[in-house]
Amino acid sequence: MSLAFLELTSNLRKLKERNKRMSSFWKTRIATLVWGFIVSIIFTGKLIVAVPMFTVMVIGNTILMKIFIKESDTKSLKKNIE
């Protein structure tokens, strides 16, 4: 096997390990970031308009996600206590 292939497989293993440690919040956040940026560029057609629009979306969505995750965590904790 070539050295490049072995290095590639090693990097893939490291990426899988890092992915296992990443929380579901950040996995979802990264997916929505990529999807949101693509949609905003397609929707506006101009990068200069898409970037500010995307920035506002990211800030708002992150705040909402944090709020909903805190509420769901609190509900699950209350269930465990009862």
PDB file of N, CA and C in Angstrom:
ATOM      1  N   MET A   1       0.840  -1.176   0.000  1.00  0.00           N
ATOM      2  CA  MET A   1       0.000   0.000   0.000  1.00  0.00           C
ATOM      3  C   MET A   1       0.886   1.241   0.000  1.00  0.00           C
ATOM      4  N   SER A   2       0.390   2.247  -0.613  1.00  0.00           N
ATOM      5  CA  SER A   2       1.190   3.461  -0.694  1.00  0.00           C
ATOM      6  C   SER A   2       1.121   4.231   0.621  1.00  0.00           C
ATOM      7  N   LEU A   3       2.104   5.065   0.800  1.00  0.00           N
ATOM      8  CA  LEU A   3       2.179   5.871   2.012  1.00  0.00           C
ATOM      9  C   LEU A   3       1.015   6.855   2.091  1.00  0.00           C
ATOM     10  N   ALA A   4       0.612   7.400   0.953  1.00  0.00           N
ATOM     11  CA  ALA A   4      -0.496   8.362   0.930  1.00  0.00           C
ATOM     12  C   ALA A   4      -1.800   7.696   1.372  1.00  0.00           C
ATOM     13  N   PHE A   5      -2.030   6.463   0.932  1.00  0.00           N
ATOM     14  CA  PHE A   5      -3.248   5.747   1.310  1.00  0.00           C
ATOM     15  C   PHE A   5      -3.265   5.463   2.809  1.00  0.00           C
ATOM     16  N   LEU A   6      -2.123   5.044   3.353  1.00  0.00           N
ATOM     17  CA  LEU A   6      -2.047   4.775   4.788  1.00  0.00           C
ATOM     18  C   LEU A   6      -2.277   6.047   5.599  1.00  0.00           C
ATOM     19  N   GLU A   7      -1.728   7.148   5.115  1.00  0.00           N
ATOM     20  CA  GLU A   7      -1.926   8.423   5.808  1.00  0.00           C
ATOM     21  C   GLU A   7      -3.395   8.846   5.748  1.00  0.00           C
ATOM     22  N   LEU A   8      -4.027   8.619   4.601  1.00  0.00           N
ATOM     23  CA  LEU A   8      -5.439   8.959   4.445  1.00  0.00           C
ATOM     24  C   LEU A   8      -6.308   8.142   5.395  1.00  0.00           C
ATOM     25  N   THR A   9      -6.062   6.844   5.484  1.00  0.00           N
ATOM     26  CA  THR A   9      -6.853   6.006   6.388  1.00  0.00           C
ATOM     27  C   THR A   9      -6.620   6.397   7.845  1.00  0.00           C
ATOM     28  N   SER A  10      -5.393   6.769   8.165  1.00  0.00           N
ATOM     29  CA  SER A  10      -5.093   7.217   9.521  1.00  0.00           C
ATOM     30  C   SER A  10      -5.854   8.500   9.844  1.00  0.00           C
ATOM     31  N   ASN A  11      -5.890   9.423   8.887  1.00  0.00           N
ATOM     32  CA  ASN A  11      -6.618  10.676   9.095  1.00  0.00           C
ATOM     33  C   ASN A  11      -8.115  10.432   9.217  1.00  0.00           C
ATOM     34  N   LEU A  12      -8.645   9.473   8.455  1.00  0.00           N
ATOM     35  CA  LEU A  12     -10.067   9.148   8.550  1.00  0.00           C
ATOM     36  C   LEU A  12     -10.409   8.568   9.919  1.00  0.00           C
ATOM     37  N   ARG A  13      -9.534   7.731  10.453  1.00  0.00           N
ATOM     38  CA  ARG A  13      -9.757   7.174  11.792  1.00  0.00           C
ATOM     39  C   ARG A  13      -9.769   8.275  12.847  1.00  0.00           C
ATOM     40  N   LYS A  14      -8.826   9.215  12.728  1.00  0.00           N
ATOM     41  CA  LYS A  14      -8.774  10.331  13.675  1.00  0.00           C
ATOM     42  C   LYS A  14     -10.037  11.174  13.581  1.00  0.00           C
ATOM     43  N   LEU A  15     -10.514  11.387  12.362  1.00  0.00           N
ATOM     44  CA  LEU A  15     -11.724  12.178  12.161  1.00  0.00           C
ATOM     45  C   LEU A  15     -12.936  11.483  12.771  1.00  0.00           C
ATOM     46  N   LYS A  16     -13.016  10.153  12.624  1.00  0.00           N
ATOM     47  CA  LYS A  16     -14.117   9.397  13.221  1.00  0.00           C
ATOM     48  C   LYS A  16     -14.085   9.507  14.745  1.00  0.00           C
ATOM     49  N   GLU A  17     -12.893   9.419  15.331  1.00  0.00           N
ATOM     50  CA  GLU A  17     -12.770   9.529  16.782  1.00  0.00           C
ATOM     51  C   GLU A  17     -13.191  10.912  17.258  1.00  0.00           C
ATOM     52  N   ARG A  18     -12.779  11.942  16.529  1.00  0.00           N
ATOM     53  CA  ARG A  18     -13.143  13.302  16.896  1.00  0.00           C
ATOM     54  C   ARG A  18     -14.646  13.498  16.754  1.00  0.00           C
ATOM     55  N   ASN A  19     -15.224  12.874  15.727  1.00  0.00           N
ATOM     56  CA  ASN A  19     -16.655  12.986  15.478  1.00  0.00           C
ATOM     57  C   ASN A  19     -17.463  12.321  16.592  1.00  0.00           C
ATOM     58  N   LYS A  20     -16.949  11.239  17.155  1.00  0.00           N
ATOM     59  CA  LYS A  20     -17.641  10.556  18.247  1.00  0.00           C
ATOM     60  C   LYS A  20     -17.701  11.441  19.487  1.00  0.00           C
ATOM     61  N   ARG A  21     -16.650  12.236  19.699  1.00  0.00           N
ATOM     62  CA  ARG A  21     -16.588  13.082  20.882  1.00  0.00           C
ATOM     63  C   ARG A  21     -17.416  14.351  20.737  1.00  0.00           C
ATOM     64  N   MET A  22     -17.764  14.724  19.499  1.00  0.00           N
ATOM     65  CA  MET A  22     -18.508  15.959  19.269  1.00  0.00           C
ATOM     66  C   MET A  22     -19.962  15.784  19.714  1.00  0.00           C
ATOM     67  N   SER A  23     -20.485  16.792  20.412  1.00  0.00           N
ATOM     68  CA  SER A  23     -21.858  16.701  20.909  1.00  0.00           C
ATOM     69  C   SER A  23     -22.854  16.821  19.761  1.00  0.00           C
ATOM     70  N   SER A  24     -24.061  16.371  20.020  1.00  0.00           N
ATOM     71  CA  SER A  24     -25.095  16.443  18.983  1.00  0.00           C
ATOM     72  C   SER A  24     -25.434  17.890  18.649  1.00  0.00           C
ATOM     73  N   PHE A  25     -25.281  18.794  19.619  1.00  0.00           N
ATOM     74  CA  PHE A  25     -25.532  20.212  19.348  1.00  0.00           C
ATOM     75  C   PHE A  25     -24.602  20.710  18.252  1.00  0.00           C
ATOM     76  N   TRP A  26     -23.309  20.405  18.364  1.00  0.00           N
ATOM     77  CA  TRP A  26     -22.349  20.926  17.386  1.00  0.00           C
ATOM     78  C   TRP A  26     -22.466  20.223  16.048  1.00  0.00           C
ATOM     79  N   LYS A  27     -22.826  18.941  16.045  1.00  0.00           N
ATOM     80  CA  LYS A  27     -23.058  18.258  14.765  1.00  0.00           C
ATOM     81  C   LYS A  27     -24.216  18.912  14.023  1.00  0.00           C
ATOM     82  N   THR A  28     -25.297  19.180  14.745  1.00  0.00           N
ATOM     83  CA  THR A  28     -26.458  19.837  14.148  1.00  0.00           C
ATOM     84  C   THR A  28     -26.112  21.247  13.716  1.00  0.00           C
ATOM     85  N   ARG A  29     -25.347  21.939  14.529  1.00  0.00           N
ATOM     86  CA  ARG A  29     -24.972  23.325  14.230  1.00  0.00           C
ATOM     87  C   ARG A  29     -24.145  23.399  12.949  1.00  0.00           C
ATOM     88  N   ILE A  30     -23.185  22.515  12.792  1.00  0.00           N
ATOM     89  CA  ILE A  30     -22.346  22.519  11.591  1.00  0.00           C
ATOM     90  C   ILE A  30     -23.183  22.208  10.358  1.00  0.00           C
ATOM     91  N   ALA A  31     -24.073  21.229  10.472  1.00  0.00           N
ATOM     92  CA  ALA A  31     -24.927  20.881   9.330  1.00  0.00           C
ATOM     93  C   ALA A  31     -25.817  22.049   8.929  1.00  0.00           C
ATOM     94  N   THR A  32     -26.388  22.742   9.909  1.00  0.00           N
ATOM     95  CA  THR A  32     -27.250  23.879   9.576  1.00  0.00           C
ATOM     96  C   THR A  32     -26.453  25.054   9.042  1.00  0.00           C
ATOM     97  N   LEU A  33     -25.211  25.201   9.475  1.00  0.00           N
ATOM     98  CA  LEU A  33     -24.368  26.274   8.935  1.00  0.00           C
ATOM     99  C   LEU A  33     -24.104  26.069   7.453  1.00  0.00           C
ATOM    100  N   VAL A  34     -23.714  24.867   7.096  1.00  0.00           N
ATOM    101  CA  VAL A  34     -23.426  24.568   5.689  1.00  0.00           C
ATOM    102  C   VAL A  34     -24.688  24.730   4.853  1.00  0.00           C
ATOM    103  N   TRP A  35     -25.769  24.137   5.315  1.00  0.00           N
ATOM    104  CA  TRP A  35     -27.029  24.210   4.577  1.00  0.00           C
ATOM    105  C   TRP A  35     -27.509  25.654   4.460  1.00  0.00           C
ATOM    106  N   GLY A  36     -27.441  26.408   5.543  1.00  0.00           N
ATOM    107  CA  GLY A  36     -27.900  27.794   5.543  1.00  0.00           C
ATOM    108  C   GLY A  36     -27.100  28.683   4.620  1.00  0.00           C
ATOM    109  N   PHE A  37     -25.792  28.478   4.574  1.00  0.00           N
ATOM    110  CA  PHE A  37     -24.961  29.304   3.697  1.00  0.00           C
ATOM    111  C   PHE A  37     -25.268  29.014   2.232  1.00  0.00           C
ATOM    112  N   ILE A  38     -25.438  27.753   1.901  1.00  0.00           N
ATOM    113  CA  ILE A  38     -25.770  27.388   0.515  1.00  0.00           C
ATOM    114  C   ILE A  38     -27.123  27.969   0.121  1.00  0.00           C
ATOM    115  N   VAL A  39     -28.103  27.848   0.995  1.00  0.00           N
ATOM    116  CA  VAL A  39     -29.441  28.373   0.697  1.00  0.00           C
ATOM    117  C   VAL A  39     -29.414  29.892   0.556  1.00  0.00           C
ATOM    118  N   SER A  40     -28.678  30.578   1.431  1.00  0.00           N
ATOM    119  CA  SER A  40     -28.647  32.039   1.347  1.00  0.00           C
ATOM    120  C   SER A  40     -27.950  32.518   0.081  1.00  0.00           C
ATOM    121  N   ILE A  41     -26.938  31.822  -0.380  1.00  0.00           N
ATOM    122  CA  ILE A  41     -26.288  32.211  -1.641  1.00  0.00           C
ATOM    123  C   ILE A  41     -27.223  31.943  -2.815  1.00  0.00           C
ATOM    124  N   ILE A  42     -27.894  30.797  -2.812  1.00  0.00           N
ATOM    125  CA  ILE A  42     -28.826  30.486  -3.902  1.00  0.00           C
ATOM    126  C   ILE A  42     -29.990  31.475  -3.900  1.00  0.00           C
ATOM    127  N   PHE A  43     -30.502  31.797  -2.721  1.00  0.00           N
ATOM    128  CA  PHE A  43     -31.654  32.691  -2.612  1.00  0.00           C
ATOM    129  C   PHE A  43     -31.319  34.114  -3.063  1.00  0.00           C
ATOM    130  N   THR A  44     -30.175  34.644  -2.629  1.00  0.00           N
ATOM    131  CA  THR A  44     -29.827  36.026  -2.962  1.00  0.00           C
ATOM    132  C   THR A  44     -29.098  36.135  -4.291  1.00  0.00           C
ATOM    133  N   GLY A  45     -28.283  35.160  -4.611  1.00  0.00           N
ATOM    134  CA  GLY A  45     -27.515  35.202  -5.853  1.00  0.00           C
ATOM    135  C   GLY A  45     -26.278  36.077  -5.773  1.00  0.00           C
ATOM    136  N   LYS A  46     -26.088  36.747  -4.644  1.00  0.00           N
ATOM    137  CA  LYS A  46     -24.933  37.630  -4.495  1.00  0.00           C
ATOM    138  C   LYS A  46     -24.267  37.352  -3.153  1.00  0.00           C
ATOM    139  N   LEU A  47     -22.974  37.200  -3.179  1.00  0.00           N
ATOM    140  CA  LEU A  47     -22.228  36.909  -1.960  1.00  0.00           C
ATOM    141  C   LEU A  47     -22.282  38.082  -0.990  1.00  0.00           C
ATOM    142  N   ILE A  48     -22.262  39.301  -1.523  1.00  0.00           N
ATOM    143  CA  ILE A  48     -22.246  40.498  -0.674  1.00  0.00           C
ATOM    144  C   ILE A  48     -23.545  40.656   0.122  1.00  0.00           C
ATOM    145  N   VAL A  49     -24.635  40.121  -0.375  1.00  0.00           N
ATOM    146  CA  VAL A  49     -25.915  40.162   0.348  1.00  0.00           C
ATOM    147  C   VAL A  49     -26.069  38.919   1.218  1.00  0.00           C
ATOM    148  N   ALA A  50     -25.550  37.799   0.749  1.00  0.00           N
ATOM    149  CA  ALA A  50     -25.738  36.530   1.452  1.00  0.00           C
ATOM    150  C   ALA A  50     -24.999  36.484   2.784  1.00  0.00           C
ATOM    151  N   VAL A  51     -23.813  37.070   2.856  1.00  0.00           N
ATOM    152  CA  VAL A  51     -23.010  36.973   4.081  1.00  0.00           C
ATOM    153  C   VAL A  51     -23.685  37.668   5.271  1.00  0.00           C
ATOM    154  N   PRO A  52     -24.146  38.936   5.142  1.00  0.00           N
ATOM    155  CA  PRO A  52     -24.837  39.540   6.301  1.00  0.00           C
ATOM    156  C   PRO A  52     -26.131  38.807   6.673  1.00  0.00           C
ATOM    157  N   MET A  53     -26.878  38.369   5.670  1.00  0.00           N
ATOM    158  CA  MET A  53     -28.114  37.643   5.933  1.00  0.00           C
ATOM    159  C   MET A  53     -27.809  36.341   6.665  1.00  0.00           C
ATOM    160  N   PHE A  54     -26.793  35.649   6.218  1.00  0.00           N
ATOM    161  CA  PHE A  54     -26.390  34.391   6.826  1.00  0.00           C
ATOM    162  C   PHE A  54     -25.905  34.610   8.260  1.00  0.00           C
ATOM    163  N   THR A  55     -25.179  35.687   8.489  1.00  0.00           N
ATOM    164  CA  THR A  55     -24.679  35.989   9.830  1.00  0.00           C
ATOM    165  C   THR A  55     -25.828  36.194  10.814  1.00  0.00           C
ATOM    166  N   VAL A  56     -26.840  36.923  10.403  1.00  0.00           N
ATOM    167  CA  VAL A  56     -28.008  37.136  11.262  1.00  0.00           C
ATOM    168  C   VAL A  56     -28.710  35.806  11.534  1.00  0.00           C
ATOM    169  N   MET A  57     -28.835  34.973  10.511  1.00  0.00           N
ATOM    170  CA  MET A  57     -29.464  33.660  10.687  1.00  0.00           C
ATOM    171  C   MET A  57     -28.685  32.812  11.689  1.00  0.00           C
ATOM    172  N   VAL A  58     -27.370  32.821  11.588  1.00  0.00           N
ATOM    173  CA  VAL A  58     -26.534  32.004  12.470  1.00  0.00           C
ATOM    174  C   VAL A  58     -26.683  32.441  13.921  1.00  0.00           C
ATOM    175  N   ILE A  59     -26.619  33.733  14.151  1.00  0.00           N
ATOM    176  CA  ILE A  59     -26.736  34.233  15.523  1.00  0.00           C
ATOM    177  C   ILE A  59     -28.107  33.883  16.108  1.00  0.00           C
ATOM    178  N   GLY A  60     -29.160  34.136  15.349  1.00  0.00           N
ATOM    179  CA  GLY A  60     -30.507  33.830  15.829  1.00  0.00           C
ATOM    180  C   GLY A  60     -30.732  32.353  16.066  1.00  0.00           C
ATOM    181  N   ASN A  61     -30.297  31.530  15.135  1.00  0.00           N
ATOM    182  CA  ASN A  61     -30.492  30.082  15.277  1.00  0.00           C
ATOM    183  C   ASN A  61     -29.708  29.514  16.451  1.00  0.00           C
ATOM    184  N   THR A  62     -28.500  30.014  16.664  1.00  0.00           N
ATOM    185  CA  THR A  62     -27.697  29.519  17.778  1.00  0.00           C
ATOM    186  C   THR A  62     -28.363  29.851  19.108  1.00  0.00           C
ATOM    187  N   ILE A  63     -28.881  31.062  19.222  1.00  0.00           N
ATOM    188  CA  ILE A  63     -29.576  31.454  20.454  1.00  0.00           C
ATOM    189  C   ILE A  63     -30.802  30.564  20.677  1.00  0.00           C
ATOM    190  N   LEU A  64     -31.591  30.362  19.626  1.00  0.00           N
ATOM    191  CA  LEU A  64     -32.782  29.514  19.756  1.00  0.00           C
ATOM    192  C   LEU A  64     -32.422  28.080  20.113  1.00  0.00           C
ATOM    193  N   MET A  65     -31.381  27.534  19.488  1.00  0.00           N
ATOM    194  CA  MET A  65     -30.978  26.160  19.783  1.00  0.00           C
ATOM    195  C   MET A  65     -30.533  26.024  21.234  1.00  0.00           C
ATOM    196  N   LYS A  66     -29.777  26.988  21.726  1.00  0.00           N
ATOM    197  CA  LYS A  66     -29.326  26.933  23.115  1.00  0.00           C
ATOM    198  C   LYS A  66     -30.516  26.965  24.077  1.00  0.00           C
ATOM    199  N   ILE A  67     -31.503  27.817  23.767  1.00  0.00           N
ATOM    200  CA  ILE A  67     -32.694  27.915  24.622  1.00  0.00           C
ATOM    201  C   ILE A  67     -33.454  26.593  24.636  1.00  0.00           C
ATOM    202  N   PHE A  68     -33.698  26.007  23.461  1.00  0.00           N
ATOM    203  CA  PHE A  68     -34.450  24.759  23.392  1.00  0.00           C
ATOM    204  C   PHE A  68     -33.694  23.604  24.019  1.00  0.00           C
ATOM    205  N   ILE A  69     -32.384  23.575  23.866  1.00  0.00           N
ATOM    206  CA  ILE A  69     -31.607  22.495  24.465  1.00  0.00           C
ATOM    207  C   ILE A  69     -31.638  22.614  25.986  1.00  0.00           C
ATOM    208  N   LYS A  70     -31.540  23.833  26.517  1.00  0.00           N
ATOM    209  CA  LYS A  70     -31.613  24.014  27.970  1.00  0.00           C
ATOM    210  C   LYS A  70     -32.967  23.572  28.500  1.00  0.00           C
ATOM    211  N   GLU A  71     -34.054  23.916  27.797  1.00  0.00           N
ATOM    212  CA  GLU A  71     -35.392  23.520  28.239  1.00  0.00           C
ATOM    213  C   GLU A  71     -35.547  22.009  28.222  1.00  0.00           C
ATOM    214  N   SER A  72     -35.082  21.355  27.175  1.00  0.00           N
ATOM    215  CA  SER A  72     -35.229  19.901  27.093  1.00  0.00           C
ATOM    216  C   SER A  72     -34.345  19.214  28.123  1.00  0.00           C
ATOM    217  N   ASP A  73     -33.149  19.757  28.389  1.00  0.00           N
ATOM    218  CA  ASP A  73     -32.291  19.186  29.422  1.00  0.00           C
ATOM    219  C   ASP A  73     -32.934  19.318  30.795  1.00  0.00           C
ATOM    220  N   THR A  74     -33.566  20.459  31.059  1.00  0.00           N
ATOM    221  CA  THR A  74     -34.228  20.680  32.341  1.00  0.00           C
ATOM    222  C   THR A  74     -35.393  19.714  32.518  1.00  0.00           C
ATOM    223  N   LYS A  75     -36.176  19.496  31.452  1.00  0.00           N
ATOM    224  CA  LYS A  75     -37.311  18.568  31.534  1.00  0.00           C
ATOM    225  C   LYS A  75     -36.838  17.147  31.809  1.00  0.00           C
ATOM    226  N   SER A  76     -35.760  16.723  31.146  1.00  0.00           N
ATOM    227  CA  SER A  76     -35.271  15.365  31.360  1.00  0.00           C
ATOM    228  C   SER A  76     -34.701  15.208  32.764  1.00  0.00           C
ATOM    229  N   LEU A  77     -34.088  16.261  33.297  1.00  0.00           N
ATOM    230  CA  LEU A  77     -33.585  16.190  34.666  1.00  0.00           C
ATOM    231  C   LEU A  77     -34.728  16.062  35.662  1.00  0.00           C
ATOM    232  N   LYS A  78     -35.813  16.800  35.430  1.00  0.00           N
ATOM    233  CA  LYS A  78     -36.966  16.718  36.326  1.00  0.00           C
ATOM    234  C   LYS A  78     -37.576  15.326  36.301  1.00  0.00           C
ATOM    235  N   LYS A  79     -37.625  14.694  35.126  1.00  0.00           N
ATOM    236  CA  LYS A  79     -38.160  13.330  35.027  1.00  0.00           C
ATOM    237  C   LYS A  79     -37.299  12.367  35.825  1.00  0.00           C
ATOM    238  N   ASN A  80     -35.982  12.525  35.733  1.00  0.00           N
ATOM    239  CA  ASN A  80     -35.077  11.627  36.441  1.00  0.00           C
ATOM    240  C   ASN A  80     -35.185  11.792  37.951  1.00  0.00           C
ATOM    241  N   ILE A  81     -35.454  13.009  38.403  1.00  0.00           N
ATOM    242  CA  ILE A  81     -35.574  13.255  39.841  1.00  0.00           C
ATOM    243  C   ILE A  81     -36.847  12.617  40.384  1.00  0.00           C
ATOM    244  N   GLU A  82     -37.950  12.735  39.622  1.00  0.00           N
ATOM    245  CA  GLU A  82     -39.229  12.183  40.073  1.00  0.00           C
ATOM    246  C   GLU A  82     -39.188  10.706  39.942  1.00  0.00           C
TER     247      GLU A  82
END
